[in-house]
Amino acid sequence: MTAVARYTPVNRQGWLEVGDFVRAVAVDLYPDKPKAALEAINTVAPFVQWAHGEGLTVPREALFTPDVVERYTEVACGHLAESSIATKRSNLRRYGRAITEKAPWPPPERAVRSHAGVAPYTDAEWRACSRSPVNRECPADAARCRHSSL
């Protein structure tokens, strides 16, 4: 018996009604990756349980839509940090695109980089590193020394 087949959520409300559906979605998302399927089920299960509690139907095309995912993150995820809500929304959108054919998913948005890509050292700092025989002047060594006491 696989971990996905044994999975039971902490909140078991409605699980008897939706458990098989949730497990099937997770396995369909990652048929050859049991660990990824188990990670997916942790996002899919509460989403489907919430939808079931709202009286929404279980067919994939009806649940995994942009509107339902957005409503779920607005209504049922308010207790989470904004970054966690964004992760759930992103995962559910990705899953929805993968397991539906008719749902009106727009193309994926371009990923937003969290770092501007600024070089960590100036050209002058790099030159100082290359000239220093033991890198005493190297900012990287200075940073390493500052952090080694942590």
C-alpha atoms as a PDB file:
ATOM      1  CA  MET A   1       0.000   0.000   0.000  1.00  0.00           C
ATOM      2  CA  THR A   2       1.457   3.372  -1.009  1.00  0.00           C
ATOM      3  CA  ALA A   3       1.696   6.498   1.122  1.00  0.00           C
ATOM      4  CA  VAL A   4      -0.942   8.146  -1.080  1.00  0.00           C
ATOM      5  CA  ALA A   5      -3.326   5.223  -0.538  1.00  0.00           C
ATOM      6  CA  ARG A   6      -2.784   5.462   3.237  1.00  0.00           C
ATOM      7  CA  TYR A   7      -3.097   9.254   3.365  1.00  0.00           C
ATOM      8  CA  THR A   8      -5.690  10.669   5.722  1.00  0.00           C
ATOM      9  CA  PRO A   9      -5.813  14.405   6.438  1.00  0.00           C
ATOM     10  CA  VAL A  10      -5.783  15.857   9.925  1.00  0.00           C
ATOM     11  CA  ASN A  11      -9.155  17.452   9.224  1.00  0.00           C
ATOM     12  CA  ARG A  12     -11.300  14.479   8.238  1.00  0.00           C
ATOM     13  CA  GLN A  13     -14.493  16.413   7.575  1.00  0.00           C
ATOM     14  CA  GLY A  14     -15.952  15.076   4.327  1.00  0.00           C
ATOM     15  CA  TRP A  15     -12.945  12.807   3.754  1.00  0.00           C
ATOM     16  CA  LEU A  16     -15.017   9.646   3.268  1.00  0.00           C
ATOM     17  CA  GLU A  17     -16.834  11.355   0.410  1.00  0.00           C
ATOM     18  CA  VAL A  18     -13.820  12.891  -1.335  1.00  0.00           C
ATOM     19  CA  GLY A  19     -10.819  10.782  -0.306  1.00  0.00           C
ATOM     20  CA  ASP A  20     -10.771   8.486  -3.340  1.00  0.00           C
ATOM     21  CA  PHE A  21     -11.157  11.455  -5.680  1.00  0.00           C
ATOM     22  CA  VAL A  22      -8.289  13.331  -3.996  1.00  0.00           C
ATOM     23  CA  ARG A  23      -6.000  10.297  -4.105  1.00  0.00           C
ATOM     24  CA  ALA A  24      -6.763   9.768  -7.806  1.00  0.00           C
ATOM     25  CA  VAL A  25      -5.936  13.408  -8.586  1.00  0.00           C
ATOM     26  CA  ALA A  26      -2.612  13.170  -6.747  1.00  0.00           C
ATOM     27  CA  VAL A  27      -1.627   9.970  -8.538  1.00  0.00           C
ATOM     28  CA  ASP A  28      -2.710  11.364 -11.922  1.00  0.00           C
ATOM     29  CA  LEU A  29      -0.562  14.435 -11.314  1.00  0.00           C
ATOM     30  CA  TYR A  30       2.522  12.368 -10.459  1.00  0.00           C
ATOM     31  CA  PRO A  31       2.018   8.731 -11.540  1.00  0.00           C
ATOM     32  CA  ASP A  32       5.728   7.859 -11.335  1.00  0.00           C
ATOM     33  CA  LYS A  33       6.690  10.100  -8.409  1.00  0.00           C
ATOM     34  CA  PRO A  34       5.108   8.902  -5.153  1.00  0.00           C
ATOM     35  CA  LYS A  35       6.798  11.578  -3.055  1.00  0.00           C
ATOM     36  CA  ALA A  36       5.554  14.374  -5.338  1.00  0.00           C
ATOM     37  CA  ALA A  37       2.064  12.827  -5.333  1.00  0.00           C
ATOM     38  CA  LEU A  38       2.076  12.832  -1.535  1.00  0.00           C
ATOM     39  CA  GLU A  39       3.146  16.486  -1.515  1.00  0.00           C
ATOM     40  CA  ALA A  40       0.370  17.316  -3.991  1.00  0.00           C
ATOM     41  CA  ILE A  41      -2.244  15.570  -1.872  1.00  0.00           C
ATOM     42  CA  ASN A  42      -1.403  17.897   1.015  1.00  0.00           C
ATOM     43  CA  THR A  43      -2.578  20.817  -1.122  1.00  0.00           C
ATOM     44  CA  VAL A  44      -5.368  19.084  -3.031  1.00  0.00           C
ATOM     45  CA  ALA A  45      -7.080  17.461  -0.012  1.00  0.00           C
ATOM     46  CA  PRO A  46      -8.027  20.635   1.886  1.00  0.00           C
ATOM     47  CA  PHE A  47      -9.057  22.319  -1.368  1.00  0.00           C
ATOM     48  CA  VAL A  48     -11.410  19.494  -2.334  1.00  0.00           C
ATOM     49  CA  GLN A  49     -12.717  19.152   1.240  1.00  0.00           C
ATOM     50  CA  TRP A  50     -13.505  22.864   1.280  1.00  0.00           C
ATOM     51  CA  ALA A  51     -15.238  22.623  -2.105  1.00  0.00           C
ATOM     52  CA  HIS A  52     -17.278  19.637  -0.919  1.00  0.00           C
ATOM     53  CA  GLY A  53     -18.307  21.580   2.186  1.00  0.00           C
ATOM     54  CA  GLU A  54     -19.398  24.460  -0.057  1.00  0.00           C
ATOM     55  CA  GLY A  55     -21.612  22.078  -2.041  1.00  0.00           C
ATOM     56  CA  LEU A  56     -19.474  22.196  -5.164  1.00  0.00           C
ATOM     57  CA  THR A  57     -19.478  19.146  -7.386  1.00  0.00           C
ATOM     58  CA  VAL A  58     -16.495  16.831  -7.547  1.00  0.00           C
ATOM     59  CA  PRO A  59     -15.750  16.543 -11.305  1.00  0.00           C
ATOM     60  CA  ARG A  60     -12.295  17.901 -12.010  1.00  0.00           C
ATOM     61  CA  GLU A  61     -13.464  20.305 -14.689  1.00  0.00           C
ATOM     62  CA  ALA A  62     -15.875  21.905 -12.212  1.00  0.00           C
ATOM     63  CA  LEU A  63     -13.476  22.155  -9.261  1.00  0.00           C
ATOM     64  CA  PHE A  64     -10.083  22.927 -10.738  1.00  0.00           C
ATOM     65  CA  THR A  65     -10.999  26.242 -12.340  1.00  0.00           C
ATOM     66  CA  PRO A  66      -9.463  29.678 -11.885  1.00  0.00           C
ATOM     67  CA  ASP A  67     -12.573  31.029 -10.131  1.00  0.00           C
ATOM     68  CA  VAL A  68     -12.855  28.175  -7.628  1.00  0.00           C
ATOM     69  CA  VAL A  69      -9.141  28.227  -6.819  1.00  0.00           C
ATOM     70  CA  GLU A  70      -9.263  31.994  -6.292  1.00  0.00           C
ATOM     71  CA  ARG A  71     -12.358  31.736  -4.103  1.00  0.00           C
ATOM     72  CA  TYR A  72     -10.724  29.008  -2.008  1.00  0.00           C
ATOM     73  CA  THR A  73      -7.606  31.051  -1.369  1.00  0.00           C
ATOM     74  CA  GLU A  74      -9.713  34.096  -0.445  1.00  0.00           C
ATOM     75  CA  VAL A  75     -12.229  32.317   1.790  1.00  0.00           C
ATOM     76  CA  ALA A  76     -10.488  29.306   3.299  1.00  0.00           C
ATOM     77  CA  CYS A  77      -6.852  30.370   3.536  1.00  0.00           C
ATOM     78  CA  GLY A  78      -7.135  33.631   5.453  1.00  0.00           C
ATOM     79  CA  HIS A  79      -5.407  32.131   8.486  1.00  0.00           C
ATOM     80  CA  LEU A  80      -2.224  31.544   6.471  1.00  0.00           C
ATOM     81  CA  ALA A  81       0.657  33.895   5.733  1.00  0.00           C
ATOM     82  CA  GLU A  82       0.401  35.695   2.407  1.00  0.00           C
ATOM     83  CA  SER A  83       3.367  33.720   1.062  1.00  0.00           C
ATOM     84  CA  SER A  84       1.665  30.416   1.970  1.00  0.00           C
ATOM     85  CA  ILE A  85      -1.533  31.510   0.253  1.00  0.00           C
ATOM     86  CA  ALA A  86       0.461  32.417  -2.852  1.00  0.00           C
ATOM     87  CA  THR A  87       2.133  28.995  -2.839  1.00  0.00           C
ATOM     88  CA  LYS A  88      -1.204  27.179  -2.482  1.00  0.00           C
ATOM     89  CA  ARG A  89      -2.719  29.268  -5.272  1.00  0.00           C
ATOM     90  CA  SER A  90       0.256  28.658  -7.548  1.00  0.00           C
ATOM     91  CA  ASN A  91       0.243  24.907  -6.904  1.00  0.00           C
ATOM     92  CA  LEU A  92      -3.510  24.596  -7.425  1.00  0.00           C
ATOM     93  CA  ARG A  93      -3.291  26.555 -10.669  1.00  0.00           C
ATOM     94  CA  ARG A  94      -0.487  24.299 -11.887  1.00  0.00           C
ATOM     95  CA  TYR A  95      -2.425  21.185 -10.893  1.00  0.00           C
ATOM     96  CA  GLY A  96      -5.587  22.521 -12.532  1.00  0.00           C
ATOM     97  CA  ARG A  97      -3.811  23.104 -15.822  1.00  0.00           C
ATOM     98  CA  ALA A  98      -2.378  19.584 -15.676  1.00  0.00           C
ATOM     99  CA  ILE A  99      -5.566  17.629 -14.897  1.00  0.00           C
ATOM    100  CA  THR A 100      -8.270  19.516 -16.775  1.00  0.00           C
ATOM    101  CA  GLU A 101      -8.933  19.906 -20.462  1.00  0.00           C
ATOM    102  CA  LYS A 102     -11.873  22.320 -20.601  1.00  0.00           C
ATOM    103  CA  ALA A 103     -11.329  24.563 -17.593  1.00  0.00           C
ATOM    104  CA  PRO A 104     -10.567  28.140 -18.699  1.00  0.00           C
ATOM    105  CA  TRP A 105      -6.968  28.354 -17.499  1.00  0.00           C
ATOM    106  CA  PRO A 106      -4.995  31.276 -18.889  1.00  0.00           C
ATOM    107  CA  PRO A 107      -1.373  30.605 -19.820  1.00  0.00           C
ATOM    108  CA  PRO A 108       0.962  30.446 -16.815  1.00  0.00           C
ATOM    109  CA  GLU A 109       2.250  33.812 -15.652  1.00  0.00           C
ATOM    110  CA  ARG A 110       5.898  34.633 -16.045  1.00  0.00           C
ATOM    111  CA  ALA A 111       7.753  33.814 -12.837  1.00  0.00           C
ATOM    112  CA  VAL A 112       8.728  36.796 -10.754  1.00  0.00           C
ATOM    113  CA  ARG A 113      12.320  36.724  -9.629  1.00  0.00           C
ATOM    114  CA  SER A 114      12.840  37.586  -6.012  1.00  0.00           C
ATOM    115  CA  HIS A 115      16.317  38.963  -6.647  1.00  0.00           C
ATOM    116  CA  ALA A 116      17.181  41.652  -9.155  1.00  0.00           C
ATOM    117  CA  GLY A 117      20.332  39.795 -10.179  1.00  0.00           C
ATOM    118  CA  VAL A 118      22.725  42.398  -8.835  1.00  0.00           C
ATOM    119  CA  ALA A 119      26.309  41.209  -8.711  1.00  0.00           C
ATOM    120  CA  PRO A 120      27.449  40.687  -5.111  1.00  0.00           C
ATOM    121  CA  TYR A 121      30.808  42.448  -5.689  1.00  0.00           C
ATOM    122  CA  THR A 122      31.956  45.421  -7.700  1.00  0.00           C
ATOM    123  CA  ASP A 123      34.682  45.077 -10.321  1.00  0.00           C
ATOM    124  CA  ALA A 124      37.117  46.781  -7.943  1.00  0.00           C
ATOM    125  CA  GLU A 125      36.346  44.231  -5.219  1.00  0.00           C
ATOM    126  CA  TRP A 126      36.930  41.345  -7.623  1.00  0.00           C
ATOM    127  CA  ARG A 127      40.258  42.846  -8.714  1.00  0.00           C
ATOM    128  CA  ALA A 128      41.289  43.148  -5.049  1.00  0.00           C
ATOM    129  CA  CYS A 129      40.487  39.455  -4.556  1.00  0.00           C
ATOM    130  CA  SER A 130      42.554  38.360  -7.520  1.00  0.00           C
ATOM    131  CA  ARG A 131      45.603  40.449  -6.449  1.00  0.00           C
ATOM    132  CA  SER A 132      45.609  39.355  -2.828  1.00  0.00           C
ATOM    133  CA  PRO A 133      47.891  36.302  -2.368  1.00  0.00           C
ATOM    134  CA  VAL A 134      45.960  35.053   0.637  1.00  0.00           C
ATOM    135  CA  ASN A 135      42.711  36.861  -0.119  1.00  0.00           C
ATOM    136  CA  ARG A 136      42.985  39.053   2.991  1.00  0.00           C
ATOM    137  CA  GLU A 137      41.382  41.887   1.081  1.00  0.00           C
ATOM    138  CA  CYS A 138      38.707  39.719  -0.477  1.00  0.00           C
ATOM    139  CA  PRO A 139      35.170  40.705   0.576  1.00  0.00           C
ATOM    140  CA  ALA A 140      34.137  37.063   0.364  1.00  0.00           C
ATOM    141  CA  ASP A 141      36.700  36.126   3.000  1.00  0.00           C
ATOM    142  CA  ALA A 142      35.629  39.034   5.173  1.00  0.00           C
ATOM    143  CA  ALA A 143      32.029  37.889   4.943  1.00  0.00           C
ATOM    144  CA  ARG A 144      33.039  34.314   5.691  1.00  0.00           C
ATOM    145  CA  CYS A 145      34.955  35.472   8.776  1.00  0.00           C
ATOM    146  CA  ARG A 146      31.997  37.514  10.019  1.00  0.00           C
ATOM    147  CA  HIS A 147      29.669  34.538   9.661  1.00  0.00           C
ATOM    148  CA  SER A 148      32.007  31.899  11.065  1.00  0.00           C
ATOM    149  CA  SER A 149      31.364  33.102  14.593  1.00  0.00           C
ATOM    150  CA  LEU A 150      27.629  32.439  14.307  1.00  0.00           C
END
